[in-house]
């Protein structure tokens, strides 16, 4: 996979980065944690032969692909609804590594966090790709969806791009060290939610 990502960026440049990030949003197994650090590395002046791409162009290309990919998941949620999507996921989802349980997980996340779930979800593994689905199911207006999606995607893409730029040829370390950090963030958010639920239950019983 790494060789394919590398060749796509070499041949297509910025358009290749946008295409890879677009596909990454459709097929979760393709990791943005490899695409954007590698793209950031190509913009580093410290690599052999100097910078091949501009770091701002790399960032914007990755952001464009990420946002367009998010839109692909938004519209099925909006027009098909939750139950039909779950049925399709169980029938054909193996090709995308997506199940009805993944859709339910994303929907619960959205129901808890509301519109901000789109912003936060773009930073959380396992939620990042599918958070667009419940936004569509819940008929979240397009402009707020695009705003939060772009904001969250910009933070994620920017972090990965700059990490690859700084690490140079060691860009693969981004995936190694970022994965545990992402899990810690997710765990912290879950604990906050549990605390909030328990607090509400206590208030309800005290009335």
Protein backbone atom coordinates (compact mmCIF):
# COMPACT_ATOMS: atom_id res chain seq x y z
CA UNK A 1 0.00 0.00 0.00
CA UNK A 2 2.82 2.40 0.87
CA UNK A 3 4.37 1.92 -2.56
CA UNK A 4 1.02 2.65 -4.23
CA UNK A 5 0.55 5.82 -2.16
CA UNK A 6 4.11 6.94 -2.95
CA UNK A 7 3.72 6.37 -6.70
CA UNK A 8 0.36 8.16 -6.81
CA UNK A 9 1.85 11.26 -5.16
CA UNK A 10 4.93 11.16 -7.42
CA UNK A 11 2.93 10.85 -10.62
CA UNK A 12 -0.07 13.08 -9.87
CA UNK A 13 1.33 15.55 -7.32
CA UNK A 14 -1.35 17.66 -5.61
CA UNK A 15 -4.16 15.95 -7.52
CA UNK A 16 -2.81 12.59 -6.39
CA UNK A 17 -2.90 13.73 -2.75
CA UNK A 18 -6.48 14.98 -3.14
CA UNK A 19 -7.48 11.70 -4.80
CA UNK A 20 -5.88 9.58 -2.07
CA UNK A 21 -7.60 11.54 0.71
CA UNK A 22 -10.89 11.32 -1.16
CA UNK A 23 -10.52 7.53 -1.40
CA UNK A 24 -9.41 7.37 2.26
CA UNK A 25 -12.79 8.75 3.26
CA UNK A 26 -14.57 6.06 1.24
CA UNK A 27 -12.40 3.12 2.27
CA UNK A 28 -11.44 3.38 5.96
CA UNK A 29 -8.60 0.79 5.71
CA UNK A 30 -6.60 3.29 3.61
CA UNK A 31 -4.89 5.36 6.35
CA UNK A 32 -4.62 9.14 6.20
CA UNK A 33 -1.89 8.63 8.84
CA UNK A 34 0.35 7.44 6.00
CA UNK A 35 -0.92 9.57 3.10
CA UNK A 36 -0.50 13.05 4.55
CA UNK A 37 2.81 12.55 6.42
CA UNK A 38 4.29 11.15 3.20
CA UNK A 39 2.85 14.11 1.30
CA UNK A 40 4.31 16.45 3.91
CA UNK A 41 7.68 14.76 3.48
CA UNK A 42 7.63 15.53 -0.26
CA UNK A 43 7.37 19.23 0.67
CA UNK A 44 10.37 19.05 3.01
CA UNK A 45 13.55 20.80 1.78
CA UNK A 46 15.62 18.26 3.72
CA UNK A 47 14.81 15.31 1.50
CA UNK A 48 17.26 14.27 -1.25
CA UNK A 49 16.87 16.62 -4.19
CA UNK A 50 14.97 19.21 -2.17
CA UNK A 51 11.24 19.85 -1.88
CA UNK A 52 9.10 18.39 -4.66
CA UNK A 53 5.86 20.11 -3.59
CA UNK A 54 4.81 23.18 -1.63
CA UNK A 55 3.60 22.45 1.91
CA UNK A 56 0.59 24.80 1.60
CA UNK A 57 -0.41 23.13 -1.65
CA UNK A 58 -0.06 19.71 -0.01
CA UNK A 59 -2.28 20.80 2.88
CA UNK A 60 -4.97 22.29 0.63
CA UNK A 61 -4.98 19.24 -1.65
CA UNK A 62 -5.41 16.91 1.33
CA UNK A 63 -8.15 19.11 2.77
CA UNK A 64 -10.03 19.22 -0.54
CA UNK A 65 -9.98 15.44 -0.90
CA UNK A 66 -11.04 14.94 2.71
CA UNK A 67 -14.03 17.29 2.49
CA UNK A 68 -15.22 15.90 -0.85
CA UNK A 69 -14.96 12.38 0.56
CA UNK A 70 -17.04 13.39 3.58
CA UNK A 71 -19.79 14.65 1.25
CA UNK A 72 -19.99 11.23 -0.40
CA UNK A 73 -21.12 9.74 2.94
CA UNK A 74 -23.40 12.68 3.83
CA UNK A 75 -25.84 12.25 0.96
CA UNK A 76 -26.60 8.52 1.35
CA UNK A 77 -27.48 9.24 4.98
CA UNK A 78 -29.73 12.08 3.92
CA UNK A 79 -31.62 10.26 1.15
CA UNK A 80 -31.55 6.59 2.19
CA UNK A 81 -32.04 6.78 5.96
CA UNK A 82 -30.53 4.75 8.78
CA UNK A 83 -32.28 1.40 8.35
CA UNK A 84 -31.71 1.11 4.60
CA UNK A 85 -28.05 2.04 5.06
CA UNK A 86 -27.61 -0.62 7.75
CA UNK A 87 -29.15 -3.23 5.46
CA UNK A 88 -26.82 -2.22 2.62
CA UNK A 89 -23.82 -2.17 4.96
CA UNK A 90 -24.50 -5.71 6.15
CA UNK A 91 -24.96 -6.87 2.57
CA UNK A 92 -22.14 -5.04 0.76
CA UNK A 93 -20.16 -3.35 3.52
CA UNK A 94 -17.40 -5.97 3.54
CA UNK A 95 -16.00 -4.32 0.41
CA UNK A 96 -15.64 -1.06 2.37
CA UNK A 97 -14.90 -2.68 5.76
CA UNK A 98 -18.10 -1.10 7.14
CA UNK A 99 -20.93 -2.78 9.05
CA UNK A 100 -24.30 -1.74 10.42
CA UNK A 101 -22.67 -1.62 13.87
CA UNK A 102 -20.24 1.03 12.58
CA UNK A 103 -23.18 3.13 11.39
CA UNK A 104 -24.95 2.72 14.74
CA UNK A 105 -21.78 3.76 16.57
CA UNK A 106 -21.45 6.90 14.47
CA UNK A 107 -25.16 7.68 14.94
CA UNK A 108 -24.89 7.41 18.75
CA UNK A 109 -21.86 9.68 18.65
CA UNK A 110 -23.77 12.27 16.63
CA UNK A 111 -26.85 12.06 18.88
CA UNK A 112 -24.69 12.76 21.95
CA UNK A 113 -22.65 15.60 20.53
CA UNK A 114 -24.98 17.21 18.01
CA UNK A 115 -23.46 19.35 15.24
CA UNK A 116 -20.11 19.51 17.05
CA UNK A 117 -19.85 15.74 16.59
CA UNK A 118 -18.87 16.42 12.98
CA UNK A 119 -15.97 18.62 14.13
CA UNK A 120 -14.77 16.28 16.89
CA UNK A 121 -15.51 13.13 14.90
CA UNK A 122 -13.08 14.11 12.14
CA UNK A 123 -10.30 13.73 14.72
CA UNK A 124 -11.34 10.37 16.19
CA UNK A 125 -10.35 6.97 14.71
CA UNK A 126 -13.26 4.72 13.87
CA UNK A 127 -15.59 7.73 13.71
CA UNK A 128 -13.74 10.03 11.31
CA UNK A 129 -14.96 8.45 8.08
CA UNK A 130 -18.54 7.65 9.06
CA UNK A 131 -19.53 10.76 11.05
CA UNK A 132 -21.00 12.18 7.82
CA UNK A 133 -23.63 9.41 7.72
CA UNK A 134 -25.58 10.38 10.88
CA UNK A 135 -25.25 14.04 9.92
CA UNK A 136 -27.12 13.20 6.71
CA UNK A 137 -29.60 10.93 8.49
CA UNK A 138 -30.40 13.74 10.94
CA UNK A 139 -30.84 16.23 8.05
CA UNK A 140 -28.08 18.48 9.32
CA UNK A 141 -28.05 21.54 7.01
CA UNK A 142 -25.32 21.39 4.38
CA UNK A 143 -23.54 24.67 5.23
CA UNK A 144 -23.00 23.90 8.94
CA UNK A 145 -21.97 20.37 7.95
CA UNK A 146 -19.38 21.73 5.52
CA UNK A 147 -18.16 24.27 8.09
CA UNK A 148 -17.56 21.71 10.85
CA UNK A 149 -16.22 19.11 8.41
CA UNK A 150 -13.74 21.56 6.92
CA UNK A 151 -12.63 22.76 10.35
CA UNK A 152 -12.10 19.26 11.73
CA UNK A 153 -10.48 18.04 8.53
CA UNK A 154 -8.15 21.05 8.45
CA UNK A 155 -6.93 20.29 11.97
CA UNK A 156 -6.34 16.61 11.16
CA UNK A 157 -4.77 17.14 7.73
CA UNK A 158 -2.64 20.01 9.02
CA UNK A 159 -1.31 17.94 11.92
CA UNK A 160 -0.40 15.01 9.68
CA UNK A 161 1.12 17.18 6.95
CA UNK A 162 3.31 19.18 9.32
CA UNK A 163 4.37 16.03 11.18
CA UNK A 164 5.62 14.49 7.94
CA UNK A 165 7.31 17.76 7.02
CA UNK A 166 9.20 17.86 10.33
CA UNK A 167 10.04 14.16 10.56
CA UNK A 168 11.32 13.94 6.99
CA UNK A 169 12.23 10.39 5.98
CA UNK A 170 10.91 9.14 9.35
CA UNK A 171 7.35 10.16 8.41
CA UNK A 172 6.09 6.61 9.04
CA UNK A 173 6.61 7.23 12.76
CA UNK A 174 3.54 9.51 12.66
CA UNK A 175 1.23 6.52 12.35
CA UNK A 176 3.12 4.62 15.07
CA UNK A 177 2.89 7.38 17.67
CA UNK A 178 -0.37 9.04 16.65
CA UNK A 179 -2.50 5.89 16.85
CA UNK A 180 -2.10 5.50 20.67
CA UNK A 181 -2.69 9.22 21.18
CA UNK A 182 -5.92 9.04 19.15
CA UNK A 183 -7.11 6.11 21.27
CA UNK A 184 -6.37 8.05 24.46
CA UNK A 185 -8.39 11.01 23.16
CA UNK A 186 -11.28 8.71 22.28
CA UNK A 187 -11.12 7.07 25.71
CA UNK A 188 -11.14 10.46 27.40
CA UNK A 189 -14.22 11.55 25.45
CA UNK A 190 -16.02 8.32 26.41
CA UNK A 191 -15.22 8.89 30.11
CA UNK A 192 -16.51 12.46 29.90
CA UNK A 193 -19.76 11.20 28.37
CA UNK A 194 -20.18 8.52 31.09
CA UNK A 195 -19.59 11.15 33.77
CA UNK A 196 -22.20 13.40 32.15
CA UNK A 197 -24.77 10.56 32.03
CA UNK A 198 -24.18 9.65 35.69
CA UNK A 199 -24.48 13.29 36.70
CA UNK A 200 -27.85 13.61 34.93
CA UNK A 201 -29.12 10.42 36.54
CA UNK A 202 -28.20 11.72 39.98
CA UNK A 203 -30.05 14.97 39.30
CA UNK A 204 -33.09 12.99 38.14
CA UNK A 205 -33.21 10.84 41.29
CA UNK A 206 -32.72 13.83 43.59
CA UNK A 207 -35.86 15.56 42.30
